[in-house]
Amino acid sequence: MPNSKTRDWEEHLNQVSENDPQAFICHFYNTYFAHSTGGRMIGKKVAEKLLDNKE
């Protein structure tokens, strides 16, 4: 169940998507790629340290 801060953030994103679609797309793009790239980097570091660079 989402808490009040989550609902506030959802409302904010809804408003941005309606009032400034370019800003919303920029936010989505940055968040999506930050998470996917960050996950790759973390996986690479774990592989280096624990798996002798094996994937």
C-alpha atoms as a PDB file:
ATOM      1  CA  MET A   1       0.000   0.000   0.000  1.00  0.00           C
ATOM      2  CA  PRO A   2       1.584   3.323  -1.000  1.00  0.00           C
ATOM      3  CA  ASN A   3       2.272   5.856   1.718  1.00  0.00           C
ATOM      4  CA  SER A   4       1.462   9.574   1.524  1.00  0.00           C
ATOM      5  CA  LYS A   5       4.881  10.525   0.120  1.00  0.00           C
ATOM      6  CA  THR A   6       4.466   7.987  -2.685  1.00  0.00           C
ATOM      7  CA  ARG A   7       1.025   9.369  -3.491  1.00  0.00           C
ATOM      8  CA  ASP A   8       2.432  12.923  -3.441  1.00  0.00           C
ATOM      9  CA  TRP A   9       5.172  11.897  -5.875  1.00  0.00           C
ATOM     10  CA  GLU A  10       2.620  10.186  -8.111  1.00  0.00           C
ATOM     11  CA  GLU A  11       0.511  13.351  -8.138  1.00  0.00           C
ATOM     12  CA  HIS A  12       3.565  15.458  -8.951  1.00  0.00           C
ATOM     13  CA  LEU A  13       4.547  13.192 -11.864  1.00  0.00           C
ATOM     14  CA  ASN A  14       0.985  13.230 -13.163  1.00  0.00           C
ATOM     15  CA  GLN A  15       0.974  17.030 -13.102  1.00  0.00           C
ATOM     16  CA  VAL A  16       4.356  17.225 -14.828  1.00  0.00           C
ATOM     17  CA  SER A  17       3.271  14.748 -17.500  1.00  0.00           C
ATOM     18  CA  GLU A  18       0.186  16.850 -18.234  1.00  0.00           C
ATOM     19  CA  ASN A  19       1.774  20.308 -17.985  1.00  0.00           C
ATOM     20  CA  ASP A  20       5.294  19.655 -19.294  1.00  0.00           C
ATOM     21  CA  PRO A  21       5.532  16.392 -21.256  1.00  0.00           C
ATOM     22  CA  GLN A  22       9.138  17.083 -22.258  1.00  0.00           C
ATOM     23  CA  ALA A  23      10.190  17.351 -18.609  1.00  0.00           C
ATOM     24  CA  PHE A  24       8.357  14.120 -17.814  1.00  0.00           C
ATOM     25  CA  ILE A  25      10.064  12.272 -20.685  1.00  0.00           C
ATOM     26  CA  CYS A  26      13.431  13.652 -19.558  1.00  0.00           C
ATOM     27  CA  HIS A  27      12.767  12.450 -15.992  1.00  0.00           C
ATOM     28  CA  PHE A  28      11.690   9.003 -17.202  1.00  0.00           C
ATOM     29  CA  TYR A  29      14.664   8.697 -19.556  1.00  0.00           C
ATOM     30  CA  ASN A  30      17.167   9.734 -16.868  1.00  0.00           C
ATOM     31  CA  THR A  31      15.647   7.461 -14.231  1.00  0.00           C
ATOM     32  CA  TYR A  32      15.382   4.451 -16.545  1.00  0.00           C
ATOM     33  CA  PHE A  33      18.933   4.697 -17.821  1.00  0.00           C
ATOM     34  CA  ALA A  34      20.396   5.574 -14.429  1.00  0.00           C
ATOM     35  CA  HIS A  35      18.874   2.432 -12.971  1.00  0.00           C
ATOM     36  CA  SER A  36      19.816   0.161 -15.851  1.00  0.00           C
ATOM     37  CA  THR A  37      23.352   1.533 -16.151  1.00  0.00           C
ATOM     38  CA  GLY A  38      23.828   1.583 -12.383  1.00  0.00           C
ATOM     39  CA  GLY A  39      22.710  -2.033 -12.193  1.00  0.00           C
ATOM     40  CA  ARG A  40      25.212  -3.015 -14.857  1.00  0.00           C
ATOM     41  CA  MET A  41      28.004  -1.193 -13.071  1.00  0.00           C
ATOM     42  CA  ILE A  42      27.150  -2.848  -9.758  1.00  0.00           C
ATOM     43  CA  GLY A  43      27.002  -6.254 -11.470  1.00  0.00           C
ATOM     44  CA  LYS A  44      30.369  -5.664 -13.087  1.00  0.00           C
ATOM     45  CA  LYS A  45      31.952  -4.672  -9.769  1.00  0.00           C
ATOM     46  CA  VAL A  46      30.503  -7.750  -8.060  1.00  0.00           C
ATOM     47  CA  ALA A  47      31.798  -9.958 -10.868  1.00  0.00           C
ATOM     48  CA  GLU A  48      35.245  -8.373 -10.580  1.00  0.00           C
ATOM     49  CA  LYS A  49      35.418  -8.861  -6.825  1.00  0.00           C
ATOM     50  CA  LEU A  50      33.655 -12.184  -6.320  1.00  0.00           C
ATOM     51  CA  LEU A  51      33.672 -14.046  -9.613  1.00  0.00           C
ATOM     52  CA  ASP A  52      37.146 -13.345 -10.982  1.00  0.00           C
ATOM     53  CA  ASN A  53      35.643 -11.160 -13.740  1.00  0.00           C
ATOM     54  CA  LYS A  54      33.259 -13.905 -14.937  1.00  0.00           C
ATOM     55  CA  GLU A  55      29.752 -12.824 -15.863  1.00  0.00           C
END
